[in-house]
Each structure stands twice: as C-alpha cells, then as structure tokens.
Amino acid sequence: VNLLALGITGTLYRDLYGTAGAALRIPTSAPVMVPLLSRIPVVGAA
C-alpha cells in the first residue's frame, strides 16, 4: 500500500499540476488565537 500510494500520488501530481503548478498557490488555515490563553507567557502562543 505504501508503494502504491507513492506511485499514484506522484503520477497524479505530475499529470495534474506539473512539477510546480497549483500546489504552490493552495490556501492554508491560519493560526487562531485563543483569547487570554494565548497571552500566557512562553507557552501561551505555543
């Protein structure tokens, strides 16, 4: 299954997106600050 997944994803990626296509422009989820808790020194932001 690991070998199959490696082959399928690699093939589909090259066929659909090329080597540096849409994958470089996909949206991502931004960090969400929890009120008060995120302000705890040192560990809050982490």
PDB file of all heavy atoms in Angstrom:
ATOM      1  N   VAL A   1       0.840  -1.201   0.000  1.00  0.00           N
ATOM      2  CA  VAL A   1       0.000   0.000   0.000  1.00  0.00           C
ATOM      3  C   VAL A   1       0.874   1.250   0.000  1.00  0.00           C
ATOM      4  O   VAL A   1       0.580   2.233  -0.700  1.00  0.00           O
ATOM      5  CB  VAL A   1      -0.952  -0.013   1.213  1.00  0.00           C
ATOM      6  CG1 VAL A   1      -1.608   1.359   1.401  1.00  0.00           C
ATOM      7  CG2 VAL A   1      -2.030  -1.075   1.022  1.00  0.00           C
ATOM      8  N   ASN A   2       1.943   1.226   0.765  1.00  0.00           N
ATOM      9  CA  ASN A   2       2.852   2.382   0.788  1.00  0.00           C
ATOM     10  C   ASN A   2       3.452   2.648  -0.588  1.00  0.00           C
ATOM     11  O   ASN A   2       3.525   3.795  -1.049  1.00  0.00           O
ATOM     12  CB  ASN A   2       3.972   2.152   1.803  1.00  0.00           C
ATOM     13  CG  ASN A   2       3.476   2.207   3.231  1.00  0.00           C
ATOM     14  OD1 ASN A   2       2.477   2.850   3.529  1.00  0.00           O
ATOM     15  ND2 ASN A   2       4.177   1.532   4.123  1.00  0.00           N
ATOM     16  N   LEU A   3       3.906   1.587  -1.244  1.00  0.00           N
ATOM     17  CA  LEU A   3       4.489   1.739  -2.579  1.00  0.00           C
ATOM     18  C   LEU A   3       3.441   2.203  -3.586  1.00  0.00           C
ATOM     19  O   LEU A   3       3.711   3.042  -4.459  1.00  0.00           O
ATOM     20  CB  LEU A   3       5.115   0.416  -3.025  1.00  0.00           C
ATOM     21  CG  LEU A   3       6.306  -0.072  -2.195  1.00  0.00           C
ATOM     22  CD1 LEU A   3       6.744  -1.458  -2.655  1.00  0.00           C
ATOM     23  CD2 LEU A   3       7.467   0.914  -2.287  1.00  0.00           C
ATOM     24  N   LEU A   4       2.222   1.652  -3.461  1.00  0.00           N
ATOM     25  CA  LEU A   4       1.134   2.054  -4.350  1.00  0.00           C
ATOM     26  C   LEU A   4       0.800   3.528  -4.168  1.00  0.00           C
ATOM     27  O   LEU A   4       0.628   4.266  -5.152  1.00  0.00           O
ATOM     28  CB  LEU A   4      -0.096   1.191  -4.079  1.00  0.00           C
ATOM     29  CG  LEU A   4      -1.348   1.508  -4.901  1.00  0.00           C
ATOM     30  CD1 LEU A   4      -1.096   1.226  -6.375  1.00  0.00           C
ATOM     31  CD2 LEU A   4      -2.537   0.695  -4.397  1.00  0.00           C
ATOM     32  N   ALA A   5       0.724   3.971  -2.918  1.00  0.00           N
ATOM     33  CA  ALA A   5       0.399   5.375  -2.641  1.00  0.00           C
ATOM     34  C   ALA A   5       1.475   6.301  -3.178  1.00  0.00           C
ATOM     35  O   ALA A   5       1.176   7.355  -3.757  1.00  0.00           O
ATOM     36  CB  ALA A   5       0.230   5.576  -1.132  1.00  0.00           C
ATOM     37  N   LEU A   6       2.721   5.919  -3.009  1.00  0.00           N
ATOM     38  CA  LEU A   6       3.821   6.737  -3.511  1.00  0.00           C
ATOM     39  C   LEU A   6       3.752   6.875  -5.031  1.00  0.00           C
ATOM     40  O   LEU A   6       3.921   7.974  -5.581  1.00  0.00           O
ATOM     41  CB  LEU A   6       5.157   6.115  -3.101  1.00  0.00           C
ATOM     42  CG  LEU A   6       6.421   6.872  -3.514  1.00  0.00           C
ATOM     43  CD1 LEU A   6       6.462   8.243  -2.855  1.00  0.00           C
ATOM     44  CD2 LEU A   6       7.669   6.066  -3.142  1.00  0.00           C
ATOM     45  N   GLY A   7       3.467   5.769  -5.714  1.00  0.00           N
ATOM     46  CA  GLY A   7       3.389   5.814  -7.166  1.00  0.00           C
ATOM     47  C   GLY A   7       2.188   6.581  -7.679  1.00  0.00           C
ATOM     48  O   GLY A   7       2.305   7.401  -8.599  1.00  0.00           O
ATOM     49  N   ILE A   8       1.016   6.353  -7.065  1.00  0.00           N
ATOM     50  CA  ILE A   8      -0.204   7.005  -7.535  1.00  0.00           C
ATOM     51  C   ILE A   8      -0.155   8.511  -7.304  1.00  0.00           C
ATOM     52  O   ILE A   8      -0.472   9.314  -8.196  1.00  0.00           O
ATOM     53  CB  ILE A   8      -1.442   6.391  -6.849  1.00  0.00           C
ATOM     54  CG1 ILE A   8      -1.708   4.999  -7.412  1.00  0.00           C
ATOM     55  CG2 ILE A   8      -2.663   7.282  -7.021  1.00  0.00           C
ATOM     56  CD1 ILE A   8      -2.897   4.306  -6.792  1.00  0.00           C
ATOM     57  N   THR A   9       0.228   8.922  -6.087  1.00  0.00           N
ATOM     58  CA  THR A   9       0.253  10.358  -5.807  1.00  0.00           C
ATOM     59  C   THR A   9       1.287  11.079  -6.665  1.00  0.00           C
ATOM     60  O   THR A   9       1.042  12.190  -7.146  1.00  0.00           O
ATOM     61  CB  THR A   9       0.537  10.619  -4.318  1.00  0.00           C
ATOM     62  OG1 THR A   9       1.763   9.967  -3.937  1.00  0.00           O
ATOM     63  CG2 THR A   9      -0.589  10.093  -3.447  1.00  0.00           C
ATOM     64  N   GLY A  10       2.444  10.453  -6.871  1.00  0.00           N
ATOM     65  CA  GLY A  10       3.462  11.075  -7.710  1.00  0.00           C
ATOM     66  C   GLY A  10       3.000  11.226  -9.143  1.00  0.00           C
ATOM     67  O   GLY A  10       3.200  12.279  -9.774  1.00  0.00           O
ATOM     68  N   THR A  11       2.365  10.182  -9.665  1.00  0.00           N
ATOM     69  CA  THR A  11       1.885  10.225 -11.054  1.00  0.00           C
ATOM     70  C   THR A  11       0.783  11.253 -11.230  1.00  0.00           C
ATOM     71  O   THR A  11       0.802  12.064 -12.173  1.00  0.00           O
ATOM     72  CB  THR A  11       1.377   8.845 -11.475  1.00  0.00           C
ATOM     73  OG1 THR A  11       2.450   7.889 -11.369  1.00  0.00           O
ATOM     74  CG2 THR A  11       0.872   8.873 -12.914  1.00  0.00           C
ATOM     75  N   LEU A  12      -0.192  11.253 -10.319  1.00  0.00           N
ATOM     76  CA  LEU A  12      -1.294  12.203 -10.420  1.00  0.00           C
ATOM     77  C   LEU A  12      -0.804  13.639 -10.260  1.00  0.00           C
ATOM     78  O   LEU A  12      -1.282  14.547 -10.953  1.00  0.00           O
ATOM     79  CB  LEU A  12      -2.354  11.888  -9.361  1.00  0.00           C
ATOM     80  CG  LEU A  12      -3.173  10.613  -9.582  1.00  0.00           C
ATOM     81  CD1 LEU A  12      -4.126  10.380  -8.410  1.00  0.00           C
ATOM     82  CD2 LEU A  12      -3.959  10.699 -10.891  1.00  0.00           C
ATOM     83  N   TYR A  13       0.136  13.833  -9.355  1.00  0.00           N
ATOM     84  CA  TYR A  13       0.654  15.181  -9.136  1.00  0.00           C
ATOM     85  C   TYR A  13       1.317  15.721 -10.405  1.00  0.00           C
ATOM     86  O   TYR A  13       1.062  16.852 -10.818  1.00  0.00           O
ATOM     87  CB  TYR A  13       1.640  15.166  -7.973  1.00  0.00           C
ATOM     88  CG  TYR A  13       2.293  16.500  -7.723  1.00  0.00           C
ATOM     89  CD1 TYR A  13       1.557  17.569  -7.226  1.00  0.00           C
ATOM     90  CD2 TYR A  13       3.650  16.696  -7.985  1.00  0.00           C
ATOM     91  CE1 TYR A  13       2.146  18.795  -6.988  1.00  0.00           C
ATOM     92  CE2 TYR A  13       4.249  17.919  -7.758  1.00  0.00           C
ATOM     93  CZ  TYR A  13       3.493  18.967  -7.260  1.00  0.00           C
ATOM     94  OH  TYR A  13       4.079  20.186  -7.042  1.00  0.00           O
ATOM     95  N   ARG A  14       2.142  14.902 -11.022  1.00  0.00           N
ATOM     96  CA  ARG A  14       2.823  15.371 -12.240  1.00  0.00           C
ATOM     97  C   ARG A  14       1.835  15.566 -13.383  1.00  0.00           C
ATOM     98  O   ARG A  14       1.965  16.513 -14.173  1.00  0.00           O
ATOM     99  CB  ARG A  14       3.915  14.379 -12.633  1.00  0.00           C
ATOM    100  CG  ARG A  14       5.119  14.390 -11.697  1.00  0.00           C
ATOM    101  CD  ARG A  14       6.269  13.574 -12.269  1.00  0.00           C
ATOM    102  NE  ARG A  14       5.922  12.154 -12.406  1.00  0.00           N
ATOM    103  CZ  ARG A  14       6.108  11.249 -11.465  1.00  0.00           C
ATOM    104  NH1 ARG A  14       6.627  11.606 -10.300  1.00  0.00           N
ATOM    105  NH2 ARG A  14       5.772   9.986 -11.657  1.00  0.00           N
ATOM    106  N   ASP A  15       0.839  14.687 -13.492  1.00  0.00           N
ATOM    107  CA  ASP A  15      -0.127  14.799 -14.578  1.00  0.00           C
ATOM    108  C   ASP A  15      -1.055  16.006 -14.403  1.00  0.00           C
ATOM    109  O   ASP A  15      -1.397  16.684 -15.380  1.00  0.00           O
ATOM    110  CB  ASP A  15      -0.965  13.521 -14.670  1.00  0.00           C
ATOM    111  CG  ASP A  15      -0.180  12.360 -15.241  1.00  0.00           C
ATOM    112  OD1 ASP A  15       0.924  12.598 -15.780  1.00  0.00           O
ATOM    113  OD2 ASP A  15      -0.655  11.205 -15.136  1.00  0.00           O
ATOM    114  N   LEU A  16      -1.478  16.263 -13.159  1.00  0.00           N
ATOM    115  CA  LEU A  16      -2.476  17.308 -12.925  1.00  0.00           C
ATOM    116  C   LEU A  16      -1.868  18.684 -12.695  1.00  0.00           C
ATOM    117  O   LEU A  16      -2.454  19.700 -13.078  1.00  0.00           O
ATOM    118  CB  LEU A  16      -3.352  16.935 -11.723  1.00  0.00           C
ATOM    119  CG  LEU A  16      -4.204  15.675 -11.876  1.00  0.00           C
ATOM    120  CD1 LEU A  16      -4.937  15.371 -10.579  1.00  0.00           C
ATOM    121  CD2 LEU A  16      -5.203  15.840 -13.029  1.00  0.00           C
ATOM    122  N   TYR A  17      -0.702  18.727 -12.060  1.00  0.00           N
ATOM    123  CA  TYR A  17      -0.147  20.012 -11.648  1.00  0.00           C
ATOM    124  C   TYR A  17       1.234  20.305 -12.223  1.00  0.00           C
ATOM    125  O   TYR A  17       1.744  21.415 -12.059  1.00  0.00           O
ATOM    126  CB  TYR A  17      -0.063  20.083 -10.113  1.00  0.00           C
ATOM    127  CG  TYR A  17      -1.392  19.901  -9.444  1.00  0.00           C
ATOM    128  CD1 TYR A  17      -1.710  18.699  -8.800  1.00  0.00           C
ATOM    129  CD2 TYR A  17      -2.340  20.912  -9.446  1.00  0.00           C
ATOM    130  CE1 TYR A  17      -2.929  18.529  -8.181  1.00  0.00           C
ATOM    131  CE2 TYR A  17      -3.573  20.745  -8.830  1.00  0.00           C
ATOM    132  CZ  TYR A  17      -3.855  19.545  -8.198  1.00  0.00           C
ATOM    133  OH  TYR A  17      -5.068  19.374  -7.590  1.00  0.00           O
ATOM    134  N   GLY A  18       1.874  19.353 -12.843  1.00  0.00           N
ATOM    135  CA  GLY A  18       3.241  19.556 -13.252  1.00  0.00           C
ATOM    136  C   GLY A  18       4.170  19.444 -12.049  1.00  0.00           C
ATOM    137  O   GLY A  18       3.783  18.956 -10.989  1.00  0.00           O
ATOM    138  N   THR A  19       5.365  19.916 -12.167  1.00  0.00           N
ATOM    139  CA  THR A  19       6.314  19.818 -11.058  1.00  0.00           C
ATOM    140  C   THR A  19       6.227  20.992 -10.095  1.00  0.00           C
ATOM    141  O   THR A  19       6.725  20.923  -8.975  1.00  0.00           O
ATOM    142  CB  THR A  19       7.753  19.736 -11.587  1.00  0.00           C
ATOM    143  OG1 THR A  19       8.001  20.872 -12.429  1.00  0.00           O
ATOM    144  CG2 THR A  19       7.936  18.456 -12.394  1.00  0.00           C
ATOM    145  N   ALA A  20       5.603  22.089 -10.504  1.00  0.00           N
ATOM    146  CA  ALA A  20       5.485  23.259  -9.617  1.00  0.00           C
ATOM    147  C   ALA A  20       4.279  24.083 -10.032  1.00  0.00           C
ATOM    148  O   ALA A  20       4.388  25.276 -10.311  1.00  0.00           O
ATOM    149  CB  ALA A  20       6.750  24.105  -9.672  1.00  0.00           C
ATOM    150  N   GLY A  21       3.112  23.442 -10.032  1.00  0.00           N
ATOM    151  CA  GLY A  21       1.925  24.130 -10.510  1.00  0.00           C
ATOM    152  C   GLY A  21       1.075  24.690  -9.403  1.00  0.00           C
ATOM    153  O   GLY A  21       1.535  25.425  -8.531  1.00  0.00           O
ATOM    154  N   ALA A  22      -0.191  24.294  -9.400  1.00  0.00           N
ATOM    155  CA  ALA A  22      -1.157  24.859  -8.460  1.00  0.00           C
ATOM    156  C   ALA A  22      -0.802  24.575  -7.018  1.00  0.00           C
ATOM    157  O   ALA A  22      -1.275  25.245  -6.111  1.00  0.00           O
ATOM    158  CB  ALA A  22      -2.552  24.295  -8.762  1.00  0.00           C
ATOM    159  N   ALA A  23       0.039  23.564  -6.792  1.00  0.00           N
ATOM    160  CA  ALA A  23       0.392  23.212  -5.416  1.00  0.00           C
ATOM    161  C   ALA A  23       1.059  24.372  -4.694  1.00  0.00           C
ATOM    162  O   ALA A  23       1.037  24.455  -3.476  1.00  0.00           O
ATOM    163  CB  ALA A  23       1.330  22.002  -5.412  1.00  0.00           C
ATOM    164  N   LEU A  24       1.673  25.287  -5.435  1.00  0.00           N
ATOM    165  CA  LEU A  24       2.360  26.400  -4.789  1.00  0.00           C
ATOM    166  C   LEU A  24       1.417  27.519  -4.397  1.00  0.00           C
ATOM    167  O   LEU A  24       1.832  28.474  -3.753  1.00  0.00           O
ATOM    168  CB  LEU A  24       3.444  26.942  -5.732  1.00  0.00           C
ATOM    169  CG  LEU A  24       4.537  25.948  -6.127  1.00  0.00           C
ATOM    170  CD1 LEU A  24       5.516  26.596  -7.092  1.00  0.00           C
ATOM    171  CD2 LEU A  24       5.272  25.450  -4.896  1.00  0.00           C
ATOM    172  N   ARG A  25       0.138  27.414  -4.759  1.00  0.00           N
ATOM    173  CA  ARG A  25      -0.787  28.522  -4.516  1.00  0.00           C
ATOM    174  C   ARG A  25      -2.037  28.084  -3.758  1.00  0.00           C
ATOM    175  O   ARG A  25      -3.027  28.800  -3.759  1.00  0.00           O
ATOM    176  CB  ARG A  25      -1.199  29.136  -5.860  1.00  0.00           C
ATOM    177  CG  ARG A  25      -0.040  29.700  -6.666  1.00  0.00           C
ATOM    178  CD  ARG A  25      -0.537  30.464  -7.908  1.00  0.00           C
ATOM    179  NE  ARG A  25      -1.289  29.588  -8.811  1.00  0.00           N
ATOM    180  CZ  ARG A  25      -0.721  28.845  -9.747  1.00  0.00           C
ATOM    181  NH1 ARG A  25       0.590  28.851  -9.900  1.00  0.00           N
ATOM    182  NH2 ARG A  25      -1.458  28.091 -10.535  1.00  0.00           N
ATOM    183  N   ILE A  26      -2.011  26.953  -3.114  1.00  0.00           N
ATOM    184  CA  ILE A  26      -3.206  26.495  -2.412  1.00  0.00           C
ATOM    185  C   ILE A  26      -3.375  27.268  -1.109  1.00  0.00           C
ATOM    186  O   ILE A  26      -2.397  27.671  -0.475  1.00  0.00           O
ATOM    187  CB  ILE A  26      -3.161  24.977  -2.132  1.00  0.00           C
ATOM    188  CG1 ILE A  26      -1.976  24.632  -1.241  1.00  0.00           C
ATOM    189  CG2 ILE A  26      -3.131  24.189  -3.419  1.00  0.00           C
ATOM    190  CD1 ILE A  26      -1.986  23.196  -0.787  1.00  0.00           C
ATOM    191  N   PRO A  27      -4.629  27.500  -0.691  1.00  0.00           N
ATOM    192  CA  PRO A  27      -4.868  28.219   0.572  1.00  0.00           C
ATOM    193  C   PRO A  27      -4.511  27.350   1.770  1.00  0.00           C
ATOM    194  O   PRO A  27      -4.493  26.123   1.688  1.00  0.00           O
ATOM    195  CB  PRO A  27      -6.374  28.500   0.525  1.00  0.00           C
ATOM    196  CG  PRO A  27      -6.933  27.414  -0.351  1.00  0.00           C
ATOM    197  CD  PRO A  27      -5.873  27.137  -1.392  1.00  0.00           C
ATOM    198  N   THR A  28      -4.214  27.987   2.877  1.00  0.00           N
ATOM    199  CA  THR A  28      -3.895  27.272   4.108  1.00  0.00           C
ATOM    200  C   THR A  28      -4.713  27.847   5.256  1.00  0.00           C
ATOM    201  O   THR A  28      -5.264  28.953   5.157  1.00  0.00           O
ATOM    202  CB  THR A  28      -2.399  27.387   4.445  1.00  0.00           C
ATOM    203  OG1 THR A  28      -2.042  28.767   4.555  1.00  0.00           O
ATOM    204  CG2 THR A  28      -1.546  26.728   3.365  1.00  0.00           C
ATOM    205  N   SER A  29      -4.793  27.107   6.351  1.00  0.00           N
ATOM    206  CA  SER A  29      -5.534  27.572   7.522  1.00  0.00           C
ATOM    207  C   SER A  29      -4.594  28.372   8.417  1.00  0.00           C
ATOM    208  O   SER A  29      -3.521  27.897   8.804  1.00  0.00           O
ATOM    209  CB  SER A  29      -6.125  26.383   8.290  1.00  0.00           C
ATOM    210  OG  SER A  29      -5.114  25.450   8.618  1.00  0.00           O
ATOM    211  N   ALA A  30      -4.999  29.578   8.744  1.00  0.00           N
ATOM    212  CA  ALA A  30      -4.169  30.464   9.556  1.00  0.00           C
ATOM    213  C   ALA A  30      -4.305  30.124  11.036  1.00  0.00           C
ATOM    214  O   ALA A  30      -5.315  29.546  11.460  1.00  0.00           O
ATOM    215  CB  ALA A  30      -4.583  31.916   9.317  1.00  0.00           C
ATOM    216  N   PRO A  31      -3.304  30.437  11.847  1.00  0.00           N
ATOM    217  CA  PRO A  31      -3.416  30.220  13.288  1.00  0.00           C
ATOM    218  C   PRO A  31      -4.580  31.019  13.878  1.00  0.00           C
ATOM    219  O   PRO A  31      -4.889  32.130  13.435  1.00  0.00           O
ATOM    220  CB  PRO A  31      -2.078  30.720  13.831  1.00  0.00           C
ATOM    221  CG  PRO A  31      -1.134  30.635  12.671  1.00  0.00           C
ATOM    222  CD  PRO A  31      -1.970  30.933  11.460  1.00  0.00           C
ATOM    223  N   VAL A  32      -5.226  30.447  14.868  1.00  0.00           N
ATOM    224  CA  VAL A  32      -6.338  31.097  15.563  1.00  0.00           C
ATOM    225  C   VAL A  32      -5.917  31.355  17.005  1.00  0.00           C
ATOM    226  O   VAL A  32      -5.577  30.415  17.731  1.00  0.00           O
ATOM    227  CB  VAL A  32      -7.606  30.231  15.528  1.00  0.00           C
ATOM    228  CG1 VAL A  32      -8.714  30.870  16.351  1.00  0.00           C
ATOM    229  CG2 VAL A  32      -8.064  30.006  14.097  1.00  0.00           C
ATOM    230  N   MET A  33      -5.958  32.597  17.413  1.00  0.00           N
ATOM    231  CA  MET A  33      -5.551  32.967  18.765  1.00  0.00           C
ATOM    232  C   MET A  33      -6.716  32.733  19.727  1.00  0.00           C
ATOM    233  O   MET A  33      -7.815  33.224  19.500  1.00  0.00           O
ATOM    234  CB  MET A  33      -5.138  34.437  18.811  1.00  0.00           C
ATOM    235  CG  MET A  33      -4.093  34.840  17.786  1.00  0.00           C
ATOM    236  SD  MET A  33      -2.427  34.358  18.230  1.00  0.00           S
ATOM    237  CE  MET A  33      -2.086  35.544  19.525  1.00  0.00           C
ATOM    238  N   VAL A  34      -6.475  31.984  20.776  1.00  0.00           N
ATOM    239  CA  VAL A  34      -7.483  31.789  21.816  1.00  0.00           C
ATOM    240  C   VAL A  34      -7.382  32.955  22.789  1.00  0.00           C
ATOM    241  O   VAL A  34      -6.310  33.178  23.370  1.00  0.00           O
ATOM    242  CB  VAL A  34      -7.272  30.455  22.564  1.00  0.00           C
ATOM    243  CG1 VAL A  34      -8.300  30.312  23.684  1.00  0.00           C
ATOM    244  CG2 VAL A  34      -7.368  29.297  21.589  1.00  0.00           C
ATOM    245  N   PRO A  35      -8.458  33.712  22.977  1.00  0.00           N
ATOM    246  CA  PRO A  35      -8.393  34.881  23.871  1.00  0.00           C
ATOM    247  C   PRO A  35      -7.866  34.521  25.264  1.00  0.00           C
ATOM    248  O   PRO A  35      -8.189  33.470  25.810  1.00  0.00           O
ATOM    249  CB  PRO A  35      -9.852  35.354  23.931  1.00  0.00           C
ATOM    250  CG  PRO A  35     -10.454  34.859  22.653  1.00  0.00           C
ATOM    251  CD  PRO A  35      -9.778  33.551  22.370  1.00  0.00           C
ATOM    252  N   LEU A  36      -7.061  35.376  25.819  1.00  0.00           N
ATOM    253  CA  LEU A  36      -6.471  35.249  27.150  1.00  0.00           C
ATOM    254  C   LEU A  36      -5.430  34.138  27.217  1.00  0.00           C
ATOM    255  O   LEU A  36      -4.283  34.351  27.620  1.00  0.00           O
ATOM    256  CB  LEU A  36      -7.552  35.027  28.215  1.00  0.00           C
ATOM    257  CG  LEU A  36      -8.591  36.146  28.361  1.00  0.00           C
ATOM    258  CD1 LEU A  36      -9.603  35.806  29.453  1.00  0.00           C
ATOM    259  CD2 LEU A  36      -7.921  37.474  28.677  1.00  0.00           C
ATOM    260  N   LEU A  37      -5.804  32.924  26.835  1.00  0.00           N
ATOM    261  CA  LEU A  37      -4.878  31.794  26.959  1.00  0.00           C
ATOM    262  C   LEU A  37      -3.645  31.981  26.091  1.00  0.00           C
ATOM    263  O   LEU A  37      -2.544  31.582  26.470  1.00  0.00           O
ATOM    264  CB  LEU A  37      -5.584  30.489  26.586  1.00  0.00           C
ATOM    265  CG  LEU A  37      -6.721  30.035  27.507  1.00  0.00           C
ATOM    266  CD1 LEU A  37      -7.338  28.748  26.992  1.00  0.00           C
ATOM    267  CD2 LEU A  37      -6.212  29.855  28.931  1.00  0.00           C
ATOM    268  N   SER A  38      -3.806  32.580  24.930  1.00  0.00           N
ATOM    269  CA  SER A  38      -2.670  32.773  24.040  1.00  0.00           C
ATOM    270  C   SER A  38      -1.688  33.815  24.570  1.00  0.00           C
ATOM    271  O   SER A  38      -0.576  33.930  24.059  1.00  0.00           O
ATOM    272  CB  SER A  38      -3.152  33.183  22.640  1.00  0.00           C
ATOM    273  OG  SER A  38      -3.878  34.401  22.703  1.00  0.00           O
ATOM    274  N   ARG A  39      -2.092  34.546  25.618  1.00  0.00           N
ATOM    275  CA  ARG A  39      -1.218  35.576  26.188  1.00  0.00           C
ATOM    276  C   ARG A  39      -0.404  35.054  27.377  1.00  0.00           C
ATOM    277  O   ARG A  39       0.369  35.824  27.965  1.00  0.00           O
ATOM    278  CB  ARG A  39      -2.053  36.772  26.631  1.00  0.00           C
ATOM    279  CG  ARG A  39      -2.777  37.458  25.476  1.00  0.00           C
ATOM    280  CD  ARG A  39      -3.564  38.662  25.951  1.00  0.00           C
ATOM    281  NE  ARG A  39      -4.265  39.312  24.859  1.00  0.00           N
ATOM    282  CZ  ARG A  39      -5.044  40.384  25.011  1.00  0.00           C
ATOM    283  NH1 ARG A  39      -5.215  40.913  26.224  1.00  0.00           N
ATOM    284  NH2 ARG A  39      -5.653  40.923  23.964  1.00  0.00           N
ATOM    285  N   ILE A  40      -0.577  33.804  27.736  1.00  0.00           N
ATOM    286  CA  ILE A  40       0.229  33.241  28.813  1.00  0.00           C
ATOM    287  C   ILE A  40       1.694  33.283  28.393  1.00  0.00           C
ATOM    288  O   ILE A  40       2.037  32.884  27.281  1.00  0.00           O
ATOM    289  CB  ILE A  40      -0.202  31.782  29.095  1.00  0.00           C
ATOM    290  CG1 ILE A  40      -1.661  31.740  29.544  1.00  0.00           C
ATOM    291  CG2 ILE A  40       0.705  31.144  30.146  1.00  0.00           C
ATOM    292  CD1 ILE A  40      -2.200  30.331  29.710  1.00  0.00           C
ATOM    293  N   PRO A  41       2.561  33.749  29.257  1.00  0.00           N
ATOM    294  CA  PRO A  41       3.985  33.868  28.871  1.00  0.00           C
ATOM    295  C   PRO A  41       4.573  32.534  28.428  1.00  0.00           C
ATOM    296  O   PRO A  41       4.278  31.485  29.002  1.00  0.00           O
ATOM    297  CB  PRO A  41       4.652  34.374  30.160  1.00  0.00           C
ATOM    298  CG  PRO A  41       3.560  35.064  30.908  1.00  0.00           C
ATOM    299  CD  PRO A  41       2.307  34.300  30.593  1.00  0.00           C
ATOM    300  N   VAL A  42       5.380  32.578  27.402  1.00  0.00           N
ATOM    301  CA  VAL A  42       6.156  31.471  26.854  1.00  0.00           C
ATOM    302  C   VAL A  42       5.270  30.409  26.207  1.00  0.00           C
ATOM    303  O   VAL A  42       5.336  30.149  25.013  1.00  0.00           O
ATOM    304  CB  VAL A  42       7.082  30.822  27.904  1.00  0.00           C
ATOM    305  CG1 VAL A  42       7.938  29.737  27.251  1.00  0.00           C
ATOM    306  CG2 VAL A  42       7.975  31.886  28.547  1.00  0.00           C
ATOM    307  N   VAL A  43       4.401  29.738  26.999  1.00  0.00           N
ATOM    308  CA  VAL A  43       3.650  28.595  26.476  1.00  0.00           C
ATOM    309  C   VAL A  43       2.336  29.001  25.821  1.00  0.00           C
ATOM    310  O   VAL A  43       1.745  28.205  25.079  1.00  0.00           O
ATOM    311  CB  VAL A  43       3.363  27.565  27.590  1.00  0.00           C
ATOM    312  CG1 VAL A  43       4.654  27.037  28.171  1.00  0.00           C
ATOM    313  CG2 VAL A  43       2.484  28.176  28.678  1.00  0.00           C
ATOM    314  N   GLY A  44       1.859  30.204  26.079  1.00  0.00           N
ATOM    315  CA  GLY A  44       0.555  30.602  25.561  1.00  0.00           C
ATOM    316  C   GLY A  44       0.479  30.566  24.047  1.00  0.00           C
ATOM    317  O   GLY A  44      -0.417  29.951  23.462  1.00  0.00           O
ATOM    318  N   ALA A  45       1.448  31.203  23.398  1.00  0.00           N
ATOM    319  CA  ALA A  45       1.445  31.237  21.934  1.00  0.00           C
ATOM    320  C   ALA A  45       1.673  29.852  21.346  1.00  0.00           C
ATOM    321  O   ALA A  45       1.155  29.519  20.277  1.00  0.00           O
ATOM    322  CB  ALA A  45       2.505  32.206  21.434  1.00  0.00           C
ATOM    323  N   ALA A  46       2.462  29.039  22.040  1.00  0.00           N
ATOM    324  CA  ALA A  46       2.754  27.697  21.529  1.00  0.00           C
ATOM    325  C   ALA A  46       1.517  26.817  21.554  1.00  0.00           C
ATOM    326  O   ALA A  46       1.263  26.048  20.626  1.00  0.00           O
ATOM    327  CB  ALA A  46       3.875  27.058  22.354  1.00  0.00           C
TER     328      ALA A  46
END
